[in-house]
Amino acid sequence: LDMTFERNFGLATQQLRVNTVQKEKELADKEVLPDFALSAFYSQATTVETERSAGLGIPITIPLINRNKHGIKAAELRLDAEQNTLRFEERKIKNLGEQILTEYNTAIHLVRHYKKTDLPELKQKIKRAQDEFIKGRLSFLSFLELDSEITETYFRVLDAQYNLADKLLDLLFLTGKKDIVSYLEAQ
């Protein structure tokens, strides 16, 4: 599960969001005085006489005592929210990883339950039953029952293998590790 935290794209994205909001908070801490601006203007109007006016302005927000407390508080709340989201994502991935690993172990146990030697033996059984049916020693219903039983066994084997492949794919997606099978076998 450690490699999951290192390689998961969603967690990396959320960590970047936390870092971005952390920098925004640091910036808000440093921005205690309001922005000052300097503006100059000039105008000329002619009606009867020419009237000219020029000026210089410095706009300042009135509450200098504020010291950007609302901006800092908002940045702290955003940081807290992003950190909570990151912790939630980590817990979600940890739980999902444990669940998928348990399902993988169950699937591998089921696949190992059906030995490779069982399938050729089933083929031989159906071949013998077919020969006995042709010779008239086996009833049609008994032959169909055996055939149905063998078909169900084949489908169970295929379902177990499909389930194992599905769980391996889930683990591959979750961890991002290409050689996940060799890693799991080494454990």
N, C-alpha and C. Protein backbone atom coordinates (compact mmCIF):
# COMPACT_ATOMS: atom_id res chain seq x y z
N LEU A 1 0.81 -1.21 0.00
CA LEU A 1 0.00 0.00 0.00
C LEU A 1 0.85 1.26 0.00
N ASP A 2 2.10 1.15 0.45
CA ASP A 2 2.96 2.34 0.45
C ASP A 2 3.19 2.86 -0.96
N MET A 3 3.38 1.92 -1.90
CA MET A 3 3.60 2.36 -3.29
C MET A 3 2.35 3.00 -3.87
N THR A 4 1.20 2.64 -3.33
CA THR A 4 -0.05 3.25 -3.80
C THR A 4 -0.05 4.74 -3.50
N PHE A 5 0.40 5.10 -2.31
CA PHE A 5 0.42 6.50 -1.93
C PHE A 5 1.44 7.28 -2.77
N GLU A 6 2.53 6.61 -3.16
CA GLU A 6 3.57 7.28 -3.95
C GLU A 6 3.13 7.50 -5.39
N ARG A 7 2.40 6.56 -5.97
CA ARG A 7 2.14 6.59 -7.41
C ARG A 7 0.71 6.95 -7.80
N ASN A 8 -0.15 7.20 -6.84
CA ASN A 8 -1.54 7.47 -7.17
C ASN A 8 -1.71 8.90 -7.69
N PHE A 9 -2.31 9.03 -8.85
CA PHE A 9 -2.46 10.32 -9.50
C PHE A 9 -3.41 11.24 -8.72
N GLY A 10 -4.49 10.69 -8.21
CA GLY A 10 -5.45 11.49 -7.46
C GLY A 10 -4.85 12.07 -6.19
N LEU A 11 -4.05 11.25 -5.49
CA LEU A 11 -3.39 11.75 -4.28
C LEU A 11 -2.35 12.81 -4.61
N ALA A 12 -1.61 12.61 -5.70
CA ALA A 12 -0.61 13.60 -6.10
C ALA A 12 -1.29 14.93 -6.44
N THR A 13 -2.42 14.86 -7.12
CA THR A 13 -3.16 16.07 -7.46
C THR A 13 -3.65 16.78 -6.20
N GLN A 14 -4.18 16.02 -5.27
CA GLN A 14 -4.68 16.62 -4.02
C GLN A 14 -3.53 17.21 -3.21
N GLN A 15 -2.37 16.55 -3.22
CA GLN A 15 -1.20 17.09 -2.51
C GLN A 15 -0.76 18.41 -3.12
N LEU A 16 -0.84 18.50 -4.45
CA LEU A 16 -0.52 19.78 -5.12
C LEU A 16 -1.50 20.87 -4.70
N ARG A 17 -2.77 20.52 -4.57
CA ARG A 17 -3.77 21.50 -4.11
C ARG A 17 -3.45 22.00 -2.71
N VAL A 18 -3.06 21.06 -1.83
CA VAL A 18 -2.71 21.43 -0.46
C VAL A 18 -1.49 22.36 -0.47
N ASN A 19 -0.49 22.04 -1.29
CA ASN A 19 0.70 22.89 -1.37
C ASN A 19 0.36 24.28 -1.90
N THR A 20 -0.53 24.33 -2.90
CA THR A 20 -0.94 25.62 -3.47
C THR A 20 -1.65 26.48 -2.43
N VAL A 21 -2.57 25.89 -1.69
CA VAL A 21 -3.31 26.63 -0.67
C VAL A 21 -2.38 27.03 0.47
N GLN A 22 -1.39 26.20 0.78
CA GLN A 22 -0.41 26.54 1.81
C GLN A 22 0.37 27.80 1.40
N LYS A 23 0.77 27.85 0.14
CA LYS A 23 1.48 29.04 -0.36
C LYS A 23 0.57 30.27 -0.35
N GLU A 24 -0.72 30.07 -0.68
CA GLU A 24 -1.67 31.19 -0.63
C GLU A 24 -1.81 31.72 0.79
N LYS A 25 -1.81 30.82 1.75
CA LYS A 25 -1.91 31.23 3.15
C LYS A 25 -0.66 32.00 3.57
N GLU A 26 0.50 31.50 3.16
CA GLU A 26 1.74 32.21 3.49
C GLU A 26 1.73 33.61 2.87
N LEU A 27 1.22 33.72 1.66
CA LEU A 27 1.12 35.02 1.00
C LEU A 27 0.15 35.93 1.75
N ALA A 28 -0.97 35.38 2.21
CA ALA A 28 -1.95 36.17 2.96
C ALA A 28 -1.35 36.64 4.28
N ASP A 29 -0.51 35.81 4.91
CA ASP A 29 0.15 36.22 6.15
C ASP A 29 1.08 37.42 5.93
N LYS A 30 1.73 37.45 4.78
CA LYS A 30 2.66 38.53 4.48
C LYS A 30 1.95 39.79 3.99
N GLU A 31 0.74 39.65 3.54
CA GLU A 31 -0.01 40.77 2.96
C GLU A 31 -0.89 41.41 4.03
N VAL A 32 -0.25 41.99 5.05
CA VAL A 32 -1.03 42.53 6.17
C VAL A 32 -1.56 43.94 5.90
N LEU A 33 -0.89 44.71 5.06
CA LEU A 33 -1.37 46.05 4.75
C LEU A 33 -2.15 46.02 3.45
N PRO A 34 -3.15 46.87 3.33
CA PRO A 34 -3.92 46.87 2.09
C PRO A 34 -3.08 47.43 0.94
N ASP A 35 -3.53 47.15 -0.26
CA ASP A 35 -2.83 47.64 -1.44
C ASP A 35 -2.99 49.15 -1.55
N PHE A 36 -1.89 49.81 -1.84
CA PHE A 36 -1.91 51.24 -2.11
C PHE A 36 -1.86 51.41 -3.62
N ALA A 37 -2.47 52.44 -4.08
CA ALA A 37 -2.43 52.74 -5.51
C ALA A 37 -2.18 54.22 -5.67
N LEU A 38 -1.59 54.57 -6.74
CA LEU A 38 -1.31 55.96 -7.04
C LEU A 38 -1.97 56.26 -8.36
N SER A 39 -2.74 57.34 -8.40
CA SER A 39 -3.39 57.69 -9.66
C SER A 39 -3.22 59.17 -9.91
N ALA A 40 -3.05 59.51 -11.15
CA ALA A 40 -2.92 60.91 -11.54
C ALA A 40 -3.97 61.19 -12.61
N PHE A 41 -4.47 62.41 -12.61
CA PHE A 41 -5.45 62.75 -13.64
C PHE A 41 -5.24 64.19 -14.11
N TYR A 42 -5.71 64.43 -15.28
CA TYR A 42 -5.64 65.77 -15.88
C TYR A 42 -6.88 65.92 -16.74
N SER A 43 -7.52 67.05 -16.66
CA SER A 43 -8.67 67.28 -17.52
C SER A 43 -8.69 68.74 -17.95
N GLN A 44 -9.30 68.98 -19.11
CA GLN A 44 -9.40 70.33 -19.65
C GLN A 44 -10.79 70.44 -20.25
N ALA A 45 -11.48 71.50 -19.87
CA ALA A 45 -12.82 71.74 -20.40
C ALA A 45 -12.92 73.18 -20.85
N THR A 46 -13.54 73.40 -21.98
CA THR A 46 -13.69 74.76 -22.51
C THR A 46 -15.17 75.02 -22.70
N THR A 47 -15.68 75.97 -21.99
CA THR A 47 -17.04 76.46 -22.21
C THR A 47 -16.89 77.92 -22.61
N VAL A 48 -16.94 78.82 -21.68
CA VAL A 48 -16.66 80.23 -21.96
C VAL A 48 -15.17 80.45 -21.75
N GLU A 49 -14.69 79.91 -20.66
CA GLU A 49 -13.27 80.01 -20.36
C GLU A 49 -12.69 78.60 -20.33
N THR A 50 -11.42 78.48 -20.52
CA THR A 50 -10.74 77.19 -20.46
C THR A 50 -10.49 76.84 -18.99
N GLU A 51 -10.92 75.72 -18.66
CA GLU A 51 -10.77 75.27 -17.28
C GLU A 51 -9.90 74.02 -17.29
N ARG A 52 -8.82 74.08 -16.56
CA ARG A 52 -7.91 72.93 -16.48
C ARG A 52 -7.82 72.48 -15.03
N SER A 53 -7.74 71.15 -14.87
CA SER A 53 -7.55 70.63 -13.52
C SER A 53 -6.61 69.43 -13.60
N ALA A 54 -5.77 69.30 -12.64
CA ALA A 54 -4.84 68.17 -12.53
C ALA A 54 -4.85 67.71 -11.09
N GLY A 55 -4.56 66.46 -10.88
CA GLY A 55 -4.59 65.97 -9.52
C GLY A 55 -3.80 64.68 -9.35
N LEU A 56 -3.61 64.34 -8.14
CA LEU A 56 -2.90 63.12 -7.78
C LEU A 56 -3.70 62.46 -6.66
N GLY A 57 -3.91 61.16 -6.76
CA GLY A 57 -4.71 60.48 -5.75
C GLY A 57 -4.01 59.25 -5.21
N ILE A 58 -4.21 59.00 -3.94
CA ILE A 58 -3.69 57.78 -3.31
C ILE A 58 -4.87 57.11 -2.61
N PRO A 59 -5.50 56.10 -3.25
CA PRO A 59 -6.61 55.42 -2.58
C PRO A 59 -6.10 54.41 -1.55
N ILE A 60 -6.64 54.46 -0.38
CA ILE A 60 -6.28 53.54 0.70
C ILE A 60 -7.58 53.02 1.29
N THR A 61 -7.64 51.73 1.52
CA THR A 61 -8.83 51.21 2.18
C THR A 61 -8.81 51.68 3.63
N ILE A 62 -9.95 52.02 4.14
CA ILE A 62 -10.06 52.65 5.45
C ILE A 62 -9.60 51.75 6.61
N PRO A 63 -10.03 50.51 6.67
CA PRO A 63 -9.66 49.75 7.88
C PRO A 63 -8.20 49.27 7.85
N LEU A 64 -7.26 50.15 8.13
CA LEU A 64 -5.85 49.76 8.21
C LEU A 64 -5.61 48.82 9.38
N ILE A 65 -6.48 48.87 10.35
CA ILE A 65 -6.32 48.03 11.54
C ILE A 65 -6.66 46.57 11.22
N ASN A 66 -7.39 46.35 10.17
CA ASN A 66 -7.82 45.01 9.78
C ASN A 66 -6.64 44.06 9.63
N ARG A 67 -5.57 44.49 9.01
CA ARG A 67 -4.35 43.72 8.79
C ARG A 67 -4.62 42.39 8.07
N ASN A 68 -5.59 42.39 7.18
CA ASN A 68 -5.93 41.25 6.31
C ASN A 68 -6.35 40.00 7.12
N LYS A 69 -7.02 40.21 8.23
CA LYS A 69 -7.44 39.08 9.06
C LYS A 69 -8.42 38.18 8.33
N HIS A 70 -9.33 38.76 7.55
CA HIS A 70 -10.31 37.94 6.83
C HIS A 70 -9.64 37.11 5.73
N GLY A 71 -8.68 37.70 5.06
CA GLY A 71 -7.95 36.96 4.02
C GLY A 71 -7.16 35.81 4.61
N ILE A 72 -6.53 36.05 5.76
CA ILE A 72 -5.75 35.01 6.43
C ILE A 72 -6.68 33.90 6.91
N LYS A 73 -7.81 34.29 7.51
CA LYS A 73 -8.77 33.30 8.01
C LYS A 73 -9.34 32.46 6.87
N ALA A 74 -9.65 33.11 5.75
CA ALA A 74 -10.17 32.37 4.58
C ALA A 74 -9.12 31.41 4.06
N ALA A 75 -7.86 31.84 4.01
CA ALA A 75 -6.79 30.96 3.53
C ALA A 75 -6.59 29.78 4.48
N GLU A 76 -6.69 30.03 5.79
CA GLU A 76 -6.57 28.94 6.77
C GLU A 76 -7.70 27.92 6.59
N LEU A 77 -8.91 28.40 6.37
CA LEU A 77 -10.05 27.50 6.19
C LEU A 77 -9.91 26.68 4.90
N ARG A 78 -9.44 27.33 3.83
CA ARG A 78 -9.21 26.59 2.57
C ARG A 78 -8.14 25.53 2.76
N LEU A 79 -7.06 25.89 3.48
CA LEU A 79 -5.99 24.93 3.74
C LEU A 79 -6.51 23.75 4.56
N ASP A 80 -7.29 24.04 5.58
CA ASP A 80 -7.86 22.98 6.42
C ASP A 80 -8.76 22.06 5.59
N ALA A 81 -9.57 22.66 4.72
CA ALA A 81 -10.46 21.85 3.87
C ALA A 81 -9.67 20.96 2.92
N GLU A 82 -8.62 21.50 2.31
CA GLU A 82 -7.82 20.70 1.38
C GLU A 82 -7.06 19.60 2.10
N GLN A 83 -6.56 19.88 3.31
CA GLN A 83 -5.87 18.84 4.08
C GLN A 83 -6.84 17.75 4.50
N ASN A 84 -8.05 18.11 4.88
CA ASN A 84 -9.07 17.10 5.22
C ASN A 84 -9.41 16.25 4.01
N THR A 85 -9.51 16.88 2.84
CA THR A 85 -9.78 16.13 1.61
C THR A 85 -8.65 15.17 1.32
N LEU A 86 -7.41 15.61 1.52
CA LEU A 86 -6.25 14.74 1.29
C LEU A 86 -6.28 13.54 2.24
N ARG A 87 -6.55 13.78 3.52
CA ARG A 87 -6.63 12.67 4.48
C ARG A 87 -7.76 11.71 4.11
N PHE A 88 -8.89 12.26 3.69
CA PHE A 88 -10.01 11.41 3.27
C PHE A 88 -9.61 10.54 2.07
N GLU A 89 -8.96 11.14 1.08
CA GLU A 89 -8.52 10.38 -0.10
C GLU A 89 -7.54 9.28 0.30
N GLU A 90 -6.62 9.59 1.22
CA GLU A 90 -5.66 8.59 1.67
C GLU A 90 -6.36 7.42 2.36
N ARG A 91 -7.32 7.74 3.23
CA ARG A 91 -8.07 6.66 3.91
C ARG A 91 -8.87 5.85 2.91
N LYS A 92 -9.48 6.54 1.95
CA LYS A 92 -10.29 5.84 0.94
C LYS A 92 -9.41 4.89 0.12
N ILE A 93 -8.24 5.35 -0.28
CA ILE A 93 -7.35 4.51 -1.09
C ILE A 93 -6.80 3.36 -0.24
N LYS A 94 -6.50 3.63 1.02
CA LYS A 94 -6.01 2.56 1.90
C LYS A 94 -7.07 1.47 2.05
N ASN A 95 -8.31 1.87 2.31
CA ASN A 95 -9.40 0.89 2.46
C ASN A 95 -9.65 0.15 1.16
N LEU A 96 -9.64 0.89 0.06
CA LEU A 96 -9.85 0.25 -1.25
C LEU A 96 -8.73 -0.73 -1.55
N GLY A 97 -7.50 -0.35 -1.22
CA GLY A 97 -6.36 -1.24 -1.45
C GLY A 97 -6.47 -2.52 -0.63
N GLU A 98 -6.85 -2.38 0.63
CA GLU A 98 -7.02 -3.57 1.48
C GLU A 98 -8.14 -4.46 0.95
N GLN A 99 -9.22 -3.84 0.50
CA GLN A 99 -10.34 -4.62 -0.04
C GLN A 99 -9.92 -5.36 -1.31
N ILE A 100 -9.25 -4.66 -2.21
CA ILE A 100 -8.83 -5.30 -3.46
C ILE A 100 -7.82 -6.39 -3.20
N LEU A 101 -6.91 -6.18 -2.24
CA LEU A 101 -5.92 -7.20 -1.91
C LEU A 101 -6.59 -8.44 -1.34
N THR A 102 -7.60 -8.24 -0.49
CA THR A 102 -8.35 -9.38 0.04
C THR A 102 -9.08 -10.12 -1.07
N GLU A 103 -9.72 -9.37 -1.97
CA GLU A 103 -10.42 -10.00 -3.09
C GLU A 103 -9.44 -10.71 -4.02
N TYR A 104 -8.25 -10.15 -4.19
CA TYR A 104 -7.22 -10.80 -5.02
C TYR A 104 -6.81 -12.12 -4.39
N ASN A 105 -6.56 -12.12 -3.07
CA ASN A 105 -6.16 -13.36 -2.40
C ASN A 105 -7.25 -14.42 -2.50
N THR A 106 -8.51 -14.00 -2.39
CA THR A 106 -9.62 -14.94 -2.55
C THR A 106 -9.66 -15.48 -3.98
N ALA A 107 -9.48 -14.60 -4.95
CA ALA A 107 -9.51 -15.02 -6.35
C ALA A 107 -8.37 -15.98 -6.66
N ILE A 108 -7.19 -15.71 -6.13
CA ILE A 108 -6.04 -16.60 -6.40
C ILE A 108 -6.27 -17.96 -5.74
N HIS A 109 -6.90 -17.94 -4.58
CA HIS A 109 -7.22 -19.21 -3.91
C HIS A 109 -8.21 -20.02 -4.77
N LEU A 110 -9.21 -19.36 -5.33
CA LEU A 110 -10.18 -20.07 -6.18
C LEU A 110 -9.53 -20.61 -7.44
N VAL A 111 -8.65 -19.83 -8.05
CA VAL A 111 -7.99 -20.29 -9.28
C VAL A 111 -7.10 -21.49 -8.97
N ARG A 112 -6.42 -21.45 -7.84
CA ARG A 112 -5.56 -22.58 -7.46
C ARG A 112 -6.38 -23.81 -7.08
N HIS A 113 -7.63 -23.58 -6.70
CA HIS A 113 -8.53 -24.69 -6.35
C HIS A 113 -8.77 -25.59 -7.56
N TYR A 114 -8.89 -24.99 -8.72
CA TYR A 114 -9.10 -25.76 -9.95
C TYR A 114 -7.74 -26.07 -10.55
N LYS A 115 -7.33 -27.31 -10.40
CA LYS A 115 -6.00 -27.70 -10.89
C LYS A 115 -6.04 -27.85 -12.41
N LYS A 116 -4.88 -27.69 -13.01
CA LYS A 116 -4.78 -27.85 -14.47
C LYS A 116 -5.10 -29.27 -14.89
N THR A 117 -4.82 -30.23 -14.02
CA THR A 117 -5.07 -31.63 -14.38
C THR A 117 -6.57 -31.96 -14.36
N ASP A 118 -7.38 -31.17 -13.68
CA ASP A 118 -8.82 -31.43 -13.61
C ASP A 118 -9.50 -31.25 -14.96
N LEU A 119 -9.07 -30.26 -15.72
CA LEU A 119 -9.74 -29.97 -16.99
C LEU A 119 -9.55 -31.09 -18.01
N PRO A 120 -8.34 -31.61 -18.23
CA PRO A 120 -8.22 -32.74 -19.16
C PRO A 120 -8.99 -33.98 -18.67
N GLU A 121 -9.03 -34.16 -17.35
CA GLU A 121 -9.79 -35.29 -16.80
C GLU A 121 -11.28 -35.15 -17.10
N LEU A 122 -11.80 -33.90 -17.03
CA LEU A 122 -13.19 -33.66 -17.37
C LEU A 122 -13.44 -33.93 -18.85
N LYS A 123 -12.49 -33.56 -19.69
CA LYS A 123 -12.62 -33.84 -21.13
C LYS A 123 -12.69 -35.34 -21.38
N GLN A 124 -11.86 -36.08 -20.67
CA GLN A 124 -11.87 -37.54 -20.84
C GLN A 124 -13.19 -38.14 -20.34
N LYS A 125 -13.73 -37.59 -19.26
CA LYS A 125 -15.01 -38.09 -18.74
C LYS A 125 -16.13 -37.88 -19.76
N ILE A 126 -16.17 -36.69 -20.34
CA ILE A 126 -17.24 -36.42 -21.31
C ILE A 126 -17.05 -37.27 -22.56
N LYS A 127 -15.79 -37.51 -22.94
CA LYS A 127 -15.52 -38.36 -24.12
C LYS A 127 -15.97 -39.80 -23.84
N ARG A 128 -15.65 -40.32 -22.64
CA ARG A 128 -16.09 -41.67 -22.27
C ARG A 128 -17.61 -41.76 -22.20
N ALA A 129 -18.24 -40.71 -21.62
CA ALA A 129 -19.70 -40.71 -21.53
C ALA A 129 -20.33 -40.66 -22.92
N GLN A 130 -19.71 -39.90 -23.80
CA GLN A 130 -20.23 -39.83 -25.17
C GLN A 130 -20.10 -41.19 -25.86
N ASP A 131 -18.98 -41.87 -25.66
CA ASP A 131 -18.79 -43.21 -26.24
C ASP A 131 -19.81 -44.21 -25.68
N GLU A 132 -20.02 -44.12 -24.36
CA GLU A 132 -20.99 -45.02 -23.72
C GLU A 132 -22.41 -44.72 -24.20
N PHE A 133 -22.70 -43.45 -24.43
CA PHE A 133 -24.02 -43.09 -24.94
C PHE A 133 -24.23 -43.63 -26.36
N ILE A 134 -23.20 -43.50 -27.19
CA ILE A 134 -23.29 -44.00 -28.57
C ILE A 134 -23.47 -45.52 -28.57
N LYS A 135 -22.81 -46.19 -27.64
CA LYS A 135 -22.92 -47.65 -27.55
C LYS A 135 -24.25 -48.07 -26.92
N GLY A 136 -24.96 -47.14 -26.35
CA GLY A 136 -26.26 -47.45 -25.76
C GLY A 136 -26.19 -47.86 -24.31
N ARG A 137 -25.07 -47.73 -23.68
CA ARG A 137 -24.92 -48.14 -22.29
C ARG A 137 -25.29 -47.02 -21.30
N LEU A 138 -25.43 -45.81 -21.81
CA LEU A 138 -25.73 -44.67 -20.95
C LEU A 138 -26.97 -43.98 -21.50
N SER A 139 -27.88 -43.62 -20.58
CA SER A 139 -29.11 -42.97 -21.03
C SER A 139 -28.82 -41.52 -21.44
N PHE A 140 -29.73 -41.00 -22.25
CA PHE A 140 -29.58 -39.63 -22.76
C PHE A 140 -29.61 -38.62 -21.62
N LEU A 141 -30.51 -38.81 -20.65
CA LEU A 141 -30.60 -37.89 -19.52
C LEU A 141 -29.33 -37.90 -18.67
N SER A 142 -28.75 -39.07 -18.46
CA SER A 142 -27.50 -39.16 -17.69
C SER A 142 -26.38 -38.46 -18.42
N PHE A 143 -26.35 -38.63 -19.76
CA PHE A 143 -25.32 -37.97 -20.56
C PHE A 143 -25.48 -36.45 -20.49
N LEU A 144 -26.72 -35.97 -20.61
CA LEU A 144 -26.95 -34.52 -20.55
C LEU A 144 -26.63 -33.96 -19.17
N GLU A 145 -26.93 -34.71 -18.12
CA GLU A 145 -26.62 -34.27 -16.77
C GLU A 145 -25.11 -34.14 -16.57
N LEU A 146 -24.37 -35.12 -17.04
CA LEU A 146 -22.90 -35.08 -16.94
C LEU A 146 -22.34 -33.93 -17.77
N ASP A 147 -22.88 -33.76 -18.96
CA ASP A 147 -22.42 -32.67 -19.83
C ASP A 147 -22.70 -31.32 -19.18
N SER A 148 -23.86 -31.17 -18.59
CA SER A 148 -24.22 -29.92 -17.90
C SER A 148 -23.29 -29.67 -16.72
N GLU A 149 -22.98 -30.71 -15.98
CA GLU A 149 -22.09 -30.59 -14.82
C GLU A 149 -20.68 -30.16 -15.25
N ILE A 150 -20.20 -30.75 -16.31
CA ILE A 150 -18.86 -30.41 -16.81
C ILE A 150 -18.84 -28.98 -17.36
N THR A 151 -19.91 -28.59 -18.05
CA THR A 151 -20.00 -27.22 -18.58
C THR A 151 -20.00 -26.20 -17.45
N GLU A 152 -20.75 -26.49 -16.39
CA GLU A 152 -20.77 -25.59 -15.23
C GLU A 152 -19.38 -25.47 -14.60
N THR A 153 -18.66 -26.59 -14.54
CA THR A 153 -17.30 -26.57 -13.98
C THR A 153 -16.39 -25.70 -14.83
N TYR A 154 -16.49 -25.85 -16.15
CA TYR A 154 -15.68 -25.01 -17.05
C TYR A 154 -16.00 -23.53 -16.84
N PHE A 155 -17.29 -23.22 -16.72
CA PHE A 155 -17.67 -21.82 -16.51
C PHE A 155 -17.17 -21.30 -15.17
N ARG A 156 -17.19 -22.14 -14.14
CA ARG A 156 -16.66 -21.72 -12.84
C ARG A 156 -15.16 -21.43 -12.93
N VAL A 157 -14.44 -22.28 -13.67
CA VAL A 157 -13.00 -22.06 -13.85
C VAL A 157 -12.76 -20.74 -14.59
N LEU A 158 -13.52 -20.52 -15.67
CA LEU A 158 -13.36 -19.28 -16.43
C LEU A 158 -13.74 -18.06 -15.59
N ASP A 159 -14.81 -18.16 -14.79
CA ASP A 159 -15.20 -17.04 -13.92
C ASP A 159 -14.11 -16.74 -12.88
N ALA A 160 -13.51 -17.79 -12.32
CA ALA A 160 -12.45 -17.59 -11.34
C ALA A 160 -11.24 -16.91 -11.99
N GLN A 161 -10.90 -17.33 -13.20
CA GLN A 161 -9.77 -16.70 -13.89
C GLN A 161 -10.09 -15.26 -14.28
N TYR A 162 -11.30 -15.01 -14.71
CA TYR A 162 -11.72 -13.65 -15.05
C TYR A 162 -11.68 -12.76 -13.81
N ASN A 163 -12.18 -13.26 -12.70
CA ASN A 163 -12.18 -12.50 -11.45
C ASN A 163 -10.75 -12.19 -11.01
N LEU A 164 -9.84 -13.15 -11.16
CA LEU A 164 -8.44 -12.92 -10.80
C LEU A 164 -7.83 -11.83 -11.69
N ALA A 165 -8.09 -11.90 -12.99
CA ALA A 165 -7.57 -10.88 -13.91
C ALA A 165 -8.15 -9.51 -13.57
N ASP A 166 -9.43 -9.47 -13.21
CA ASP A 166 -10.07 -8.21 -12.85
C ASP A 166 -9.42 -7.61 -11.60
N LYS A 167 -9.15 -8.43 -10.60
CA LYS A 167 -8.53 -7.93 -9.37
C LYS A 167 -7.09 -7.50 -9.62
N LEU A 168 -6.38 -8.20 -10.49
CA LEU A 168 -5.02 -7.77 -10.85
C LEU A 168 -5.05 -6.42 -11.55
N LEU A 169 -6.03 -6.24 -12.41
CA LEU A 169 -6.17 -4.96 -13.11
C LEU A 169 -6.49 -3.84 -12.11
N ASP A 170 -7.35 -4.12 -11.13
CA ASP A 170 -7.65 -3.13 -10.09
C ASP A 170 -6.39 -2.76 -9.30
N LEU A 171 -5.58 -3.79 -8.96
CA LEU A 171 -4.35 -3.52 -8.23
C LEU A 171 -3.36 -2.72 -9.08
N LEU A 172 -3.29 -3.05 -10.35
CA LEU A 172 -2.41 -2.31 -11.26
C LEU A 172 -2.83 -0.86 -11.34
N PHE A 173 -4.12 -0.62 -11.47
CA PHE A 173 -4.64 0.74 -11.55
C PHE A 173 -4.38 1.50 -10.25
N LEU A 174 -4.59 0.83 -9.13
CA LEU A 174 -4.45 1.49 -7.84
C LEU A 174 -2.99 1.81 -7.51
N THR A 175 -2.09 0.87 -7.79
CA THR A 175 -0.69 1.06 -7.40
C THR A 175 0.13 1.74 -8.50
N GLY A 176 -0.24 1.54 -9.75
CA GLY A 176 0.54 2.09 -10.84
C GLY A 176 1.82 1.31 -11.08
N LYS A 177 1.95 0.15 -10.49
CA LYS A 177 3.15 -0.68 -10.61
C LYS A 177 2.92 -1.74 -11.68
N LYS A 178 3.79 -1.74 -12.71
CA LYS A 178 3.60 -2.66 -13.83
C LYS A 178 3.85 -4.11 -13.44
N ASP A 179 4.82 -4.36 -12.59
CA ASP A 179 5.16 -5.73 -12.21
C ASP A 179 4.54 -6.10 -10.87
N ILE A 180 3.26 -5.80 -10.74
CA ILE A 180 2.55 -6.04 -9.48
C ILE A 180 2.47 -7.54 -9.15
N VAL A 181 2.40 -8.39 -10.17
CA VAL A 181 2.28 -9.83 -9.92
C VAL A 181 3.55 -10.35 -9.26
N SER A 182 4.71 -10.00 -9.81
CA SER A 182 5.97 -10.47 -9.21
C SER A 182 6.17 -9.87 -7.81
N TYR A 183 5.72 -8.64 -7.63
CA TYR A 183 5.81 -8.00 -6.32
C TYR A 183 4.95 -8.75 -5.30
N LEU A 184 3.73 -9.12 -5.68
CA LEU A 184 2.83 -9.83 -4.77
C LEU A 184 3.34 -11.24 -4.48
N GLU A 185 3.92 -11.89 -5.47
CA GLU A 185 4.45 -13.24 -5.25
C GLU A 185 5.65 -13.21 -4.32
N ALA A 186 6.42 -12.12 -4.35
CA ALA A 186 7.58 -12.01 -3.48
C ALA A 186 7.19 -11.76 -2.03
N GLN A 187 5.98 -11.26 -1.80
CA GLN A 187 5.54 -10.95 -0.44
C GLN A 187 5.27 -12.18 0.36
